[in-house]
Amino acid sequence: MTDLTSASRRGYRVRMPSAWSVGAVVIAAVVLGPVLAVVWIALAPVVAGNGGGTWGQLWATTLPRYLSTTIKLMFGVGLLTAMVGTGAAWLIARYRFPGARWIEWALLMPLAVPAYVGAYALVDFLEYAGPVQTFLRGVFGWQTARDYWFPEIRSLGAAILVLAAALYPYVYLLTRAALREQSGGGEEVAMSLGVGPFRRFWRVGLPLARPAIAAGVAIVMMESVNDFGTVDYFAVQTLTTGIFTTWLEANSASGAAQIAGVVLALVVALVLIEKASRRRSRFYMLSSRHRPVTKRDLTGVGGWVATALCLVPILMGFVLPAGVILNHALGQAELWADPALLLALWHTLAVGGIAAVVTVLAAVFLVYGVRLSGRALPRRLMPLTTIGYAAPGAVLGVGILIPLARADHALADGIEALTGTDIGLILTGSAFALVLAYSVRFFAIAQGAADAAFGRVSPSLPLAARSLGRTKGQVLRAIYAPLVRGTLASALLLVFVDCVKELPATLLLRPFNYDTLATRVHEQASLEQLSRAAPGAVMIMLVGLVAVAFLARANHNAETA
């Protein structure tokens, strides 16, 4: 009693955490849980001494091949997207040429086409029975494939080409923004010294834009690791396909978790390398006045060459896949009324919509709770919640399904023991696991948007409301909600679009006989029934186009502000 009294006299007081702080920590734990579960499941058998055989068998058989192919895919896609995205961004940011105003936004359109849809279209366009080879045989009189040579379509090179065509906009967006933020002084000095356009790009523009290029390429490489539909369709064995093969065909959950651990280590290494490259690069404006670079006119042959160069990625990333898929979709109109397609559409809208709302609400709670909390733990956990976006969907599927299945069976057995009623599997037998996976996978999008939106609200507004006796919840509803509503709506749309396109996590976590548009398109295309897959693919692309249009508008408003 004396100790408590003396402590109170010295001003010490035990401060219990608020509900907002506790909620923020719980949300962060849920988001980080699947990633930590993968690490635990992968390492637990080894630590216990009974997992060495699995590791040894993987390293002696398939893992080196999976790892080698994945690294080749990553660096191939990264190099190609760096070249295409940076080159297009340089032309758009520095020159005026025929069609440049609409090409600037058309270069974003491949974001609407999932890479696996591009893979289906490319094979259909270039295969033996496709229009290209049929045309060549008709022109030159060839009878069979033995009469001529044609590149192998289902190959690692084709997978790199398709993924690069779908992902280069990430590099293009970041690089274009970096090039536009550069001062025109350096360009003018270089021009006054007689430096030509290619040397100005190499010596002035490229070094200053290198951090943005590195960030874009890192995102592209992580998306390449995440891809399943493209590499599976092209029969390219990567770490992601290895997870499916080891788990579903070899029936080894621990082996799948160990491969997932390798994927996670690879992704973390990419993130660390990207952050280290930006940490070593520092560029500053030496003048208080920022004078933008003045675009130069490209006329004659040079202008048309620039137009042609920018059109190539648009044709490969959007026009070709959209044209092939749309041709199949319109050729058999009756497929649009297929009950299975409509059911898959409903599943997609329902699960994607619920996941988007849950993700944004959780992100708002986390950001607001961290801002209210004076404790270090919530502040340190919040940046870690972005790792879910870097983790591939297949990795999150392993980290969610294995622990959730055990919890589900334990819950069902416990209820049956108490009540005598078998309730079945609630968590894994419904769409709950899908909603959880989508929320974890795309939480970084919502969290980043919410954090940025809350940061733009003047601190004096909530302080004034609190001084008038408003509770923390009332401040959130009355002050923050109206001011951040637009940004949160954008985050809601982007999360929903990503949920619609997500394939690996959906394949692993969906309940039995539960199709979304992505899984239906993948299954039909895998059976070489592209016509039946086409309507679903068109729906996915339409949703993606809405997001691209919104993204283009947001970028335009930001640049003109």
Protein backbone atom coordinates (compact mmCIF):
# COMPACT_ATOMS: atom_id res chain seq x y z
CA MET A 1 0.00 0.00 0.00
CA THR A 2 2.86 2.30 0.89
CA ASP A 3 4.53 1.57 -2.46
CA LEU A 4 1.34 2.41 -4.37
CA THR A 5 0.92 5.63 -2.42
CA SER A 6 4.52 6.72 -3.01
CA ALA A 7 4.21 5.84 -6.70
CA SER A 8 1.10 8.00 -7.01
CA ARG A 9 2.87 10.84 -5.24
CA ARG A 10 5.70 10.65 -7.77
CA GLY A 11 3.14 10.96 -10.57
CA TYR A 12 3.34 7.39 -11.90
CA ARG A 13 0.13 6.09 -13.39
CA VAL A 14 -0.60 2.84 -15.18
CA ARG A 15 -2.32 3.78 -18.46
CA MET A 16 -4.47 1.07 -19.93
CA PRO A 17 -4.50 0.87 -23.75
CA SER A 18 -7.60 2.23 -25.45
CA ALA A 19 -9.94 0.13 -27.55
CA TRP A 20 -8.57 1.91 -30.65
CA SER A 21 -4.99 0.88 -29.80
CA VAL A 22 -5.99 -2.71 -29.06
CA GLY A 23 -8.05 -2.88 -32.26
CA ALA A 24 -5.15 -1.52 -34.31
CA VAL A 25 -2.82 -4.18 -32.91
CA VAL A 26 -5.38 -6.94 -33.56
CA ILE A 27 -5.87 -5.83 -37.18
CA ALA A 28 -2.10 -5.69 -37.73
CA ALA A 29 -1.76 -9.19 -36.23
CA VAL A 30 -4.47 -10.57 -38.55
CA VAL A 31 -2.75 -9.06 -41.60
CA LEU A 32 0.68 -10.33 -40.57
CA GLY A 33 -0.61 -13.71 -39.39
CA PRO A 34 -0.61 -15.60 -42.73
CA VAL A 35 2.94 -14.52 -43.54
CA LEU A 36 4.18 -15.56 -40.10
CA ALA A 37 2.22 -18.82 -40.43
CA VAL A 38 4.08 -19.68 -43.64
CA VAL A 39 7.42 -19.14 -41.92
CA TRP A 40 6.34 -21.22 -38.92
CA ILE A 41 4.92 -24.10 -40.97
CA ALA A 42 8.02 -24.17 -43.17
CA LEU A 43 10.48 -24.11 -40.27
CA ALA A 44 8.60 -26.14 -37.65
CA PRO A 45 9.34 -29.60 -39.15
CA VAL A 46 13.01 -28.70 -39.56
CA VAL A 47 13.30 -27.40 -36.00
CA ALA A 48 11.56 -30.52 -34.71
CA GLY A 49 14.01 -32.68 -36.63
CA ASN A 50 11.51 -34.40 -38.93
CA GLY A 51 11.45 -31.98 -41.84
CA GLY A 52 14.94 -32.46 -43.16
CA GLY A 53 13.77 -35.22 -45.45
CA THR A 54 11.26 -32.93 -47.13
CA TRP A 55 13.84 -30.18 -47.62
CA GLY A 56 16.37 -32.70 -48.88
CA GLN A 57 13.91 -34.23 -51.31
CA LEU A 58 12.86 -30.81 -52.63
CA TRP A 59 16.44 -29.66 -53.13
CA ALA A 60 17.38 -32.94 -54.78
CA THR A 61 14.45 -32.95 -57.19
CA THR A 62 12.30 -29.95 -58.12
CA LEU A 63 13.27 -26.92 -56.04
CA PRO A 64 16.44 -25.96 -57.96
CA ARG A 65 14.47 -26.06 -61.24
CA TYR A 66 11.63 -24.02 -59.77
CA LEU A 67 14.03 -21.47 -58.32
CA SER A 68 16.12 -21.18 -61.48
CA THR A 69 13.09 -20.69 -63.72
CA THR A 70 11.57 -18.14 -61.32
CA ILE A 71 14.76 -16.08 -61.24
CA LYS A 72 15.00 -16.13 -65.04
CA LEU A 73 11.36 -15.08 -65.29
CA MET A 74 11.80 -12.26 -62.76
CA PHE A 75 14.88 -10.77 -64.35
CA GLY A 76 13.60 -11.24 -67.89
CA VAL A 77 10.32 -9.47 -67.13
CA GLY A 78 12.11 -6.84 -65.04
CA LEU A 79 14.59 -6.02 -67.81
CA LEU A 80 11.95 -5.87 -70.54
CA THR A 81 9.56 -3.71 -68.52
CA ALA A 82 12.41 -1.39 -67.54
CA MET A 83 13.27 -0.85 -71.18
CA VAL A 84 9.68 -0.43 -72.41
CA GLY A 85 8.34 1.55 -69.45
CA THR A 86 11.32 3.88 -69.20
CA GLY A 87 11.50 4.47 -72.96
CA ALA A 88 7.78 5.25 -73.22
CA ALA A 89 7.93 7.53 -70.17
CA TRP A 90 10.90 9.44 -71.65
CA LEU A 91 9.16 10.02 -74.97
CA ILE A 92 5.91 11.12 -73.30
CA ALA A 93 7.61 13.39 -70.75
CA ARG A 94 10.10 15.04 -73.11
CA TYR A 95 8.51 15.23 -76.58
CA ARG A 96 5.36 16.10 -78.52
CA PHE A 97 4.64 13.79 -81.44
CA PRO A 98 1.56 12.60 -83.39
CA GLY A 99 -1.01 11.07 -81.03
CA ALA A 100 1.04 11.74 -77.89
CA ARG A 101 -1.90 13.13 -75.89
CA TRP A 102 -4.04 10.00 -76.14
CA ILE A 103 -1.07 7.59 -76.22
CA GLU A 104 -0.04 8.95 -72.81
CA TRP A 105 -3.17 7.43 -71.27
CA ALA A 106 -3.50 4.48 -73.65
CA LEU A 107 -0.18 3.21 -72.29
CA LEU A 108 -2.03 2.47 -69.03
CA MET A 109 -4.66 0.26 -70.65
CA PRO A 110 -2.74 -3.05 -70.33
CA LEU A 111 -3.37 -2.77 -66.58
CA ALA A 112 -6.97 -3.75 -67.36
CA VAL A 113 -5.91 -7.09 -68.88
CA PRO A 114 -4.73 -9.79 -66.43
CA ALA A 115 -1.56 -11.46 -67.67
CA TYR A 116 -3.25 -14.87 -67.84
CA VAL A 117 -5.87 -13.46 -70.24
CA GLY A 118 -3.05 -12.13 -72.42
CA ALA A 119 -1.48 -15.59 -72.39
CA TYR A 120 -4.70 -17.24 -73.61
CA ALA A 121 -5.05 -14.67 -76.39
CA LEU A 122 -1.44 -14.96 -77.55
CA VAL A 123 -1.60 -18.75 -77.83
CA ASP A 124 -4.91 -18.57 -79.69
CA PHE A 125 -3.44 -15.98 -82.08
CA LEU A 126 -0.13 -17.72 -82.77
CA GLU A 127 -0.86 -21.44 -82.42
CA TYR A 128 -0.85 -23.84 -85.37
CA ALA A 129 -4.58 -23.40 -86.04
CA GLY A 130 -4.47 -19.67 -85.29
CA PRO A 131 -4.77 -16.87 -87.86
CA VAL A 132 -1.03 -16.14 -88.14
CA GLN A 133 0.16 -19.63 -89.03
CA THR A 134 -2.94 -20.28 -91.13
CA PHE A 135 -2.17 -17.13 -93.13
CA LEU A 136 1.48 -18.14 -93.59
CA ARG A 137 0.54 -21.60 -94.83
CA GLY A 138 -1.95 -20.10 -97.25
CA VAL A 139 0.53 -17.57 -98.66
CA PHE A 140 3.54 -19.88 -99.01
CA GLY A 141 1.74 -23.14 -99.73
CA TRP A 142 3.04 -24.98 -96.67
CA GLN A 143 1.08 -28.09 -95.78
CA THR A 144 2.20 -29.12 -92.27
CA ALA A 145 4.35 -27.84 -89.44
CA ARG A 146 7.28 -29.86 -90.85
CA ASP A 147 7.43 -27.52 -93.84
CA TYR A 148 8.41 -24.44 -91.80
CA TRP A 149 9.82 -23.30 -88.48
CA PHE A 150 7.78 -21.29 -85.99
CA PRO A 151 8.81 -20.22 -82.46
CA GLU A 152 7.56 -22.32 -79.58
CA ILE A 153 4.64 -20.43 -78.08
CA ARG A 154 4.28 -22.16 -74.73
CA SER A 155 7.74 -21.35 -73.41
CA LEU A 156 9.57 -19.26 -70.86
CA GLY A 157 10.29 -16.58 -73.47
CA ALA A 158 6.60 -16.23 -74.30
CA ALA A 159 5.73 -16.02 -70.60
CA ILE A 160 8.27 -13.21 -70.17
CA LEU A 161 6.80 -11.37 -73.17
CA VAL A 162 3.20 -11.68 -71.93
CA LEU A 163 4.02 -10.65 -68.37
CA ALA A 164 6.09 -7.69 -69.56
CA ALA A 165 3.27 -6.52 -71.83
CA ALA A 166 0.85 -6.63 -68.89
CA LEU A 167 3.12 -5.14 -66.22
CA TYR A 168 5.21 -2.42 -67.90
CA PRO A 169 2.67 0.33 -66.89
CA TYR A 170 3.99 0.11 -63.31
CA VAL A 171 7.42 1.25 -64.50
CA TYR A 172 5.92 3.72 -66.97
CA LEU A 173 3.76 5.45 -64.33
CA LEU A 174 6.51 5.90 -61.75
CA THR A 175 9.16 6.88 -64.29
CA ARG A 176 6.91 9.40 -66.05
CA ALA A 177 6.15 11.08 -62.73
CA ALA A 178 9.86 11.20 -61.83
CA LEU A 179 10.83 12.66 -65.21
CA ARG A 180 8.16 15.36 -64.96
CA GLU A 181 9.36 16.37 -61.51
CA GLN A 182 12.89 17.02 -62.81
CA SER A 183 13.95 20.60 -63.34
CA GLY A 184 14.46 21.90 -66.86
CA GLY A 185 17.78 23.47 -65.88
CA GLY A 186 19.81 20.32 -66.33
CA GLU A 187 18.29 19.67 -69.74
CA GLU A 188 18.99 23.23 -70.87
CA VAL A 189 22.62 23.09 -69.71
CA ALA A 190 23.16 19.79 -71.50
CA MET A 191 21.62 21.16 -74.70
CA SER A 192 23.78 24.29 -74.52
CA LEU A 193 26.84 22.04 -74.39
CA GLY A 194 25.74 20.27 -77.57
CA VAL A 195 24.69 17.02 -75.90
CA GLY A 196 22.37 14.99 -78.14
CA PRO A 197 19.03 13.49 -77.08
CA PHE A 198 20.35 9.99 -76.37
CA ARG A 199 23.24 11.26 -74.24
CA ARG A 200 20.87 13.61 -72.37
CA PHE A 201 18.69 10.64 -71.58
CA TRP A 202 21.65 8.51 -70.48
CA ARG A 203 23.58 11.19 -68.55
CA VAL A 204 20.81 13.45 -67.17
CA GLY A 205 17.34 11.91 -67.23
CA LEU A 206 18.12 8.27 -66.42
CA PRO A 207 20.28 8.81 -63.28
CA LEU A 208 17.69 11.14 -61.75
CA ALA A 209 14.82 8.75 -62.51
CA ARG A 210 16.69 5.63 -61.36
CA PRO A 211 14.96 5.34 -57.93
CA ALA A 212 11.53 5.45 -59.59
CA ILE A 213 12.60 2.90 -62.21
CA ALA A 214 13.96 0.62 -59.48
CA ALA A 215 10.70 0.87 -57.52
CA GLY A 216 8.64 0.05 -60.61
CA VAL A 217 10.84 -2.89 -61.60
CA ALA A 218 10.68 -4.25 -58.05
CA ILE A 219 6.86 -4.21 -58.20
CA VAL A 220 6.97 -5.92 -61.60
CA MET A 221 9.32 -8.64 -60.36
CA MET A 222 7.12 -9.30 -57.34
CA GLU A 223 4.07 -9.56 -59.58
CA SER A 224 6.00 -12.00 -61.79
CA VAL A 225 6.68 -14.21 -58.79
CA ASN A 226 2.99 -14.02 -57.87
CA ASP A 227 1.76 -15.03 -61.33
CA PHE A 228 0.23 -18.48 -61.69
CA GLY A 229 -2.20 -18.38 -64.62
CA THR A 230 0.35 -17.38 -67.27
CA VAL A 231 3.15 -19.74 -66.29
CA ASP A 232 0.75 -22.62 -65.72
CA TYR A 233 -0.81 -22.14 -69.17
CA PHE A 234 2.64 -21.97 -70.78
CA ALA A 235 3.81 -25.05 -68.80
CA VAL A 236 6.63 -23.04 -67.18
CA GLN A 237 7.52 -24.51 -63.80
CA THR A 238 8.11 -21.75 -61.24
CA LEU A 239 8.01 -21.65 -57.46
CA THR A 240 4.33 -20.65 -57.56
CA THR A 241 3.34 -23.60 -59.73
CA GLY A 242 5.52 -25.73 -57.47
CA ILE A 243 3.34 -24.81 -54.48
CA PHE A 244 0.25 -26.09 -56.29
CA THR A 245 2.00 -29.22 -57.57
CA THR A 246 3.55 -30.14 -54.22
CA TRP A 247 0.38 -29.54 -52.25
CA LEU A 248 -2.39 -30.74 -54.56
CA GLU A 249 -0.62 -33.48 -56.52
CA ALA A 250 2.09 -34.69 -54.11
CA ASN A 251 -0.24 -34.12 -51.11
CA SER A 252 2.56 -32.51 -49.08
CA ALA A 253 1.39 -29.45 -47.14
CA SER A 254 4.75 -29.07 -45.40
CA GLY A 255 6.57 -29.21 -48.74
CA ALA A 256 4.24 -26.56 -50.17
CA ALA A 257 4.85 -24.38 -47.12
CA GLN A 258 8.60 -24.76 -47.52
CA ILE A 259 8.43 -23.72 -51.18
CA ALA A 260 6.20 -20.82 -50.10
CA GLY A 261 8.90 -19.88 -47.59
CA VAL A 262 11.45 -19.73 -50.41
CA VAL A 263 9.09 -17.48 -52.40
CA LEU A 264 8.62 -15.24 -49.38
CA ALA A 265 12.37 -15.01 -48.82
CA LEU A 266 12.82 -14.07 -52.48
CA VAL A 267 10.18 -11.34 -52.23
CA VAL A 268 11.64 -9.94 -49.00
CA ALA A 269 15.07 -9.86 -50.66
CA LEU A 270 13.58 -7.88 -53.56
CA VAL A 271 11.98 -5.38 -51.17
CA LEU A 272 15.22 -4.93 -49.23
CA ILE A 273 17.27 -4.48 -52.41
CA GLU A 274 14.82 -1.89 -53.72
CA LYS A 275 14.86 0.05 -50.44
CA ALA A 276 18.66 -0.13 -50.28
CA SER A 277 18.98 1.21 -53.83
CA ARG A 278 16.77 4.18 -52.96
CA ARG A 279 18.63 4.80 -49.70
CA ARG A 280 21.92 5.16 -51.54
CA SER A 281 20.44 7.56 -54.11
CA ARG A 282 19.80 11.14 -53.07
CA PHE A 283 18.88 13.90 -55.47
CA TYR A 284 18.01 17.43 -54.46
CA MET A 285 16.70 20.55 -56.15
CA LEU A 286 19.47 23.13 -55.94
CA SER A 287 17.15 25.98 -56.85
CA SER A 288 14.15 27.23 -54.91
CA ARG A 289 12.29 27.64 -58.21
CA HIS A 290 11.30 24.50 -60.01
CA ARG A 291 11.10 25.05 -63.76
CA PRO A 292 9.58 22.08 -65.59
CA VAL A 293 11.20 20.62 -68.67
CA THR A 294 9.87 22.10 -71.89
CA LYS A 295 8.71 19.43 -74.32
CA ARG A 296 10.22 19.52 -77.78
CA ASP A 297 8.34 18.82 -81.00
CA LEU A 298 9.19 15.69 -82.93
CA THR A 299 8.13 16.14 -86.54
CA GLY A 300 8.52 14.15 -89.72
CA VAL A 301 9.96 10.66 -89.54
CA GLY A 302 11.18 11.09 -85.97
CA GLY A 303 7.68 11.89 -84.71
CA TRP A 304 6.12 8.90 -86.44
CA VAL A 305 8.89 6.61 -85.15
CA ALA A 306 8.11 7.78 -81.58
CA THR A 307 4.42 7.10 -82.19
CA ALA A 308 5.15 3.62 -83.52
CA LEU A 309 7.43 2.78 -80.59
CA CYS A 310 4.75 3.79 -78.08
CA LEU A 311 2.05 1.88 -79.95
CA VAL A 312 3.91 -1.45 -79.80
CA PRO A 313 3.36 -2.08 -76.05
CA ILE A 314 -0.27 -0.89 -76.33
CA LEU A 315 -0.89 -3.35 -79.17
CA MET A 316 0.80 -6.22 -77.33
CA GLY A 317 -0.61 -5.47 -73.88
CA PHE A 318 -4.17 -4.45 -74.71
CA VAL A 319 -5.29 -4.43 -78.35
CA LEU A 320 -4.20 -8.02 -79.17
CA PRO A 321 -5.60 -9.75 -76.07
CA ALA A 322 -8.76 -7.62 -75.98
CA GLY A 323 -9.36 -8.15 -79.70
CA VAL A 324 -8.89 -11.93 -79.61
CA ILE A 325 -11.01 -12.39 -76.48
CA LEU A 326 -13.74 -10.05 -77.70
CA ASN A 327 -13.89 -11.87 -81.03
CA HIS A 328 -14.52 -15.16 -79.21
CA ALA A 329 -17.00 -13.57 -76.81
CA LEU A 330 -19.12 -12.00 -79.55
CA GLY A 331 -18.99 -15.10 -81.74
CA GLN A 332 -21.21 -17.10 -79.38
CA ALA A 333 -23.68 -14.73 -77.78
CA GLU A 334 -25.59 -17.54 -76.04
CA LEU A 335 -22.65 -18.11 -73.67
CA TRP A 336 -23.35 -14.78 -71.98
CA ALA A 337 -26.54 -16.25 -70.51
CA ASP A 338 -24.79 -19.37 -69.15
CA PRO A 339 -26.06 -19.86 -65.55
CA ALA A 340 -22.58 -20.95 -64.43
CA LEU A 341 -21.11 -17.68 -65.76
CA LEU A 342 -23.78 -15.60 -64.02
CA LEU A 343 -23.16 -17.49 -60.77
CA ALA A 344 -19.41 -16.88 -61.09
CA LEU A 345 -20.15 -13.18 -61.69
CA TRP A 346 -22.28 -13.04 -58.54
CA HIS A 347 -19.57 -14.78 -56.49
CA THR A 348 -16.98 -12.34 -57.82
CA LEU A 349 -19.06 -9.26 -57.05
CA ALA A 350 -20.10 -10.51 -53.61
CA VAL A 351 -16.71 -11.72 -52.37
CA GLY A 352 -14.77 -8.88 -53.98
CA GLY A 353 -17.21 -6.27 -52.67
CA ILE A 354 -17.23 -7.65 -49.11
CA ALA A 355 -13.43 -7.93 -49.10
CA ALA A 356 -13.02 -4.37 -50.38
CA VAL A 357 -15.34 -2.93 -47.71
CA VAL A 358 -13.73 -4.99 -44.93
CA THR A 359 -10.24 -4.03 -46.08
CA VAL A 360 -10.93 -0.30 -46.24
CA LEU A 361 -12.77 -0.24 -42.90
CA ALA A 362 -9.95 -2.18 -41.24
CA ALA A 363 -7.37 0.17 -42.74
CA VAL A 364 -9.27 3.22 -41.44
CA PHE A 365 -9.50 1.68 -37.98
CA LEU A 366 -5.80 0.83 -37.98
CA VAL A 367 -4.63 4.26 -39.17
CA TYR A 368 -6.95 6.13 -36.82
CA GLY A 369 -6.07 3.86 -33.91
CA VAL A 370 -2.34 4.35 -34.47
CA ARG A 371 -2.82 8.14 -34.62
CA LEU A 372 -4.72 8.11 -31.34
CA SER A 373 -2.32 5.74 -29.62
CA GLY A 374 0.77 7.07 -27.97
CA ARG A 375 2.29 3.60 -27.79
CA ALA A 376 5.18 2.34 -29.84
CA LEU A 377 3.83 -1.12 -30.71
CA PRO A 378 0.96 -0.02 -33.00
CA ARG A 379 3.21 2.52 -34.76
CA ARG A 380 5.87 -0.13 -35.41
CA LEU A 381 3.37 -2.70 -36.62
CA MET A 382 1.60 -0.45 -39.15
CA PRO A 383 4.44 -0.33 -41.74
CA LEU A 384 4.78 -4.12 -41.51
CA THR A 385 1.18 -4.64 -42.65
CA THR A 386 2.17 -3.66 -46.19
CA ILE A 387 4.11 -6.93 -46.61
CA GLY A 388 0.89 -8.70 -47.56
CA TYR A 389 0.88 -6.91 -50.92
CA ALA A 390 4.40 -8.16 -51.62
CA ALA A 391 3.56 -11.73 -50.65
CA PRO A 392 2.22 -13.79 -53.60
CA GLY A 393 -1.34 -15.03 -53.43
CA ALA A 394 -0.22 -18.66 -53.37
CA VAL A 395 1.97 -17.96 -50.33
CA LEU A 396 -0.92 -16.30 -48.49
CA GLY A 397 -3.12 -19.23 -49.49
CA VAL A 398 -0.77 -21.64 -47.73
CA GLY A 399 -0.48 -19.35 -44.69
CA ILE A 400 -4.25 -19.03 -44.38
CA LEU A 401 -5.62 -22.45 -45.36
CA ILE A 402 -3.48 -24.72 -43.19
CA PRO A 403 -4.03 -22.92 -39.84
CA LEU A 404 -7.64 -22.07 -40.72
CA ALA A 405 -8.44 -25.69 -41.61
CA ARG A 406 -7.09 -26.88 -38.25
CA ALA A 407 -9.09 -24.23 -36.40
CA ASP A 408 -12.18 -25.08 -38.43
CA HIS A 409 -11.99 -28.79 -37.63
CA ALA A 410 -11.36 -28.05 -33.95
CA LEU A 411 -14.38 -25.71 -33.87
CA ALA A 412 -16.64 -28.23 -35.61
CA ASP A 413 -15.50 -31.07 -33.31
CA GLY A 414 -15.99 -28.93 -30.21
CA ILE A 415 -19.52 -27.88 -31.16
CA GLU A 416 -20.42 -31.46 -32.08
CA ALA A 417 -19.12 -32.69 -28.71
CA LEU A 418 -21.18 -30.09 -26.84
CA THR A 419 -24.40 -30.14 -28.86
CA GLY A 420 -24.29 -33.34 -30.88
CA THR A 421 -24.77 -31.32 -34.06
CA ASP A 422 -22.29 -31.47 -36.93
CA ILE A 423 -22.14 -27.91 -38.28
CA GLY A 424 -19.54 -28.74 -40.93
CA LEU A 425 -16.65 -26.50 -41.86
CA ILE A 426 -17.66 -22.88 -41.40
CA LEU A 427 -14.40 -21.06 -42.07
CA THR A 428 -12.95 -23.06 -44.96
CA GLY A 429 -16.29 -24.32 -46.26
CA SER A 430 -17.48 -20.79 -47.02
CA ALA A 431 -16.06 -17.69 -48.66
CA PHE A 432 -14.59 -16.52 -45.34
CA ALA A 433 -11.08 -17.66 -46.26
CA LEU A 434 -11.30 -15.84 -49.61
CA VAL A 435 -12.36 -12.58 -47.97
CA LEU A 436 -9.52 -12.91 -45.46
CA ALA A 437 -6.96 -13.62 -48.20
CA TYR A 438 -8.09 -10.68 -50.32
CA SER A 439 -8.04 -8.35 -47.31
CA VAL A 440 -4.52 -9.39 -46.33
CA ARG A 441 -3.22 -9.35 -49.91
CA PHE A 442 -4.49 -5.85 -50.72
CA PHE A 443 -4.46 -4.26 -47.29
CA ALA A 444 -1.45 -2.13 -48.25
CA ILE A 445 -3.51 -0.30 -50.90
CA ALA A 446 -6.21 0.70 -48.42
CA GLN A 447 -3.78 1.43 -45.62
CA GLY A 448 -1.62 3.69 -47.78
CA ALA A 449 -4.66 5.59 -49.05
CA ALA A 450 -6.13 6.00 -45.56
CA ASP A 451 -2.81 7.12 -44.06
CA ALA A 452 -2.29 9.70 -46.81
CA ALA A 453 -5.87 10.97 -46.50
CA PHE A 454 -5.73 11.30 -42.71
CA GLY A 455 -2.37 13.07 -43.01
CA ARG A 456 -3.94 15.81 -45.14
CA VAL A 457 -6.48 16.71 -42.43
CA SER A 458 -5.35 19.65 -40.31
CA PRO A 459 -4.73 18.54 -36.67
CA SER A 460 -6.57 21.63 -35.43
CA LEU A 461 -9.93 20.27 -36.65
CA PRO A 462 -10.06 17.10 -34.54
CA LEU A 463 -8.52 18.97 -31.58
CA ALA A 464 -11.27 21.58 -31.76
CA ALA A 465 -13.92 18.85 -31.90
CA ARG A 466 -12.40 17.09 -28.89
CA SER A 467 -12.33 20.35 -26.94
CA LEU A 468 -16.09 20.62 -27.57
CA GLY A 469 -16.64 17.26 -25.89
CA ARG A 470 -16.85 14.99 -28.95
CA THR A 471 -15.72 11.40 -28.47
CA LYS A 472 -13.05 9.81 -30.63
CA GLY A 473 -15.66 7.93 -32.64
CA GLN A 474 -17.68 11.10 -33.17
CA VAL A 475 -14.56 12.92 -34.37
CA LEU A 476 -13.93 10.14 -36.89
CA ARG A 477 -17.49 10.30 -38.22
CA ALA A 478 -18.00 14.08 -38.16
CA ILE A 479 -14.52 15.44 -39.02
CA TYR A 480 -12.44 12.83 -40.81
CA ALA A 481 -15.11 10.90 -42.75
CA PRO A 482 -16.31 13.80 -44.96
CA LEU A 483 -12.74 14.90 -45.71
CA VAL A 484 -11.28 11.49 -46.60
CA ARG A 485 -14.36 10.03 -48.31
CA GLY A 486 -13.08 10.56 -51.87
CA THR A 487 -9.70 8.94 -51.22
CA LEU A 488 -11.29 5.98 -49.47
CA ALA A 489 -13.70 5.51 -52.38
CA SER A 490 -10.69 5.31 -54.70
CA ALA A 491 -9.06 2.73 -52.44
CA LEU A 492 -12.31 0.76 -52.35
CA LEU A 493 -12.39 0.62 -56.15
CA LEU A 494 -8.73 -0.38 -56.51
CA VAL A 495 -9.01 -3.14 -53.90
CA PHE A 496 -12.18 -4.46 -55.55
CA VAL A 497 -10.53 -4.56 -59.00
CA ASP A 498 -7.52 -6.44 -57.63
CA CYS A 499 -9.86 -8.93 -55.91
CA VAL A 500 -11.64 -9.56 -59.21
CA LYS A 501 -8.35 -10.37 -60.97
CA GLU A 502 -6.71 -12.41 -58.18
CA LEU A 503 -6.21 -16.04 -59.26
CA PRO A 504 -3.66 -18.05 -57.16
CA ALA A 505 -5.20 -17.37 -53.74
CA THR A 506 -8.69 -17.95 -55.15
CA LEU A 507 -7.74 -21.34 -56.59
CA LEU A 508 -6.34 -22.48 -53.24
CA LEU A 509 -8.97 -21.08 -50.89
CA ARG A 510 -12.32 -21.20 -52.68
CA PRO A 511 -14.89 -23.68 -51.36
CA PHE A 512 -15.74 -26.75 -53.40
CA ASN A 513 -17.64 -25.93 -56.61
CA TYR A 514 -17.30 -22.18 -55.96
CA ASP A 515 -16.15 -20.32 -59.07
CA THR A 516 -15.27 -16.69 -59.53
CA LEU A 517 -14.74 -15.07 -62.92
CA ALA A 518 -10.97 -15.55 -62.60
CA THR A 519 -11.15 -19.27 -61.73
CA ARG A 520 -13.80 -19.94 -64.37
CA VAL A 521 -11.74 -18.25 -67.09
CA HIS A 522 -8.63 -20.15 -66.00
CA GLU A 523 -10.36 -23.54 -65.95
CA GLN A 524 -12.11 -23.09 -69.30
CA ALA A 525 -8.92 -21.84 -70.99
CA SER A 526 -6.93 -24.72 -69.47
CA LEU A 527 -9.39 -27.08 -71.19
CA GLU A 528 -8.71 -25.24 -74.49
CA GLN A 529 -12.25 -23.86 -74.47
CA LEU A 530 -11.37 -20.22 -75.02
CA SER A 531 -14.81 -19.39 -76.43
CA ARG A 532 -16.43 -20.42 -73.15
CA ALA A 533 -13.80 -18.52 -71.19
CA ALA A 534 -14.12 -15.34 -73.27
CA PRO A 535 -17.27 -13.77 -71.70
CA GLY A 536 -15.79 -14.01 -68.21
CA ALA A 537 -12.49 -12.57 -69.45
CA VAL A 538 -14.34 -9.64 -71.05
CA MET A 539 -16.09 -8.94 -67.75
CA ILE A 540 -12.75 -8.92 -65.91
CA MET A 541 -11.28 -6.53 -68.48
CA LEU A 542 -14.27 -4.18 -68.24
CA VAL A 543 -13.81 -3.94 -64.49
CA GLY A 544 -10.11 -3.29 -65.05
CA LEU A 545 -10.86 -0.55 -67.58
CA VAL A 546 -12.96 1.28 -65.01
CA ALA A 547 -9.99 1.28 -62.64
CA VAL A 548 -7.61 2.41 -65.41
CA ALA A 549 -9.93 5.29 -66.33
CA PHE A 550 -10.12 6.32 -62.70
CA LEU A 551 -6.33 6.06 -62.33
CA ALA A 552 -5.77 8.16 -65.46
CA ARG A 553 -8.17 10.81 -64.19
CA ALA A 554 -6.51 10.89 -60.77
CA ASN A 555 -3.05 11.26 -62.34
CA HIS A 556 -4.30 14.02 -64.66
CA ASN A 557 -5.82 15.93 -61.74
CA ALA A 558 -2.62 15.56 -59.71
CA GLU A 559 -0.47 16.85 -62.57
CA THR A 560 -2.69 19.86 -63.31
CA ALA A 561 -3.14 20.79 -59.64
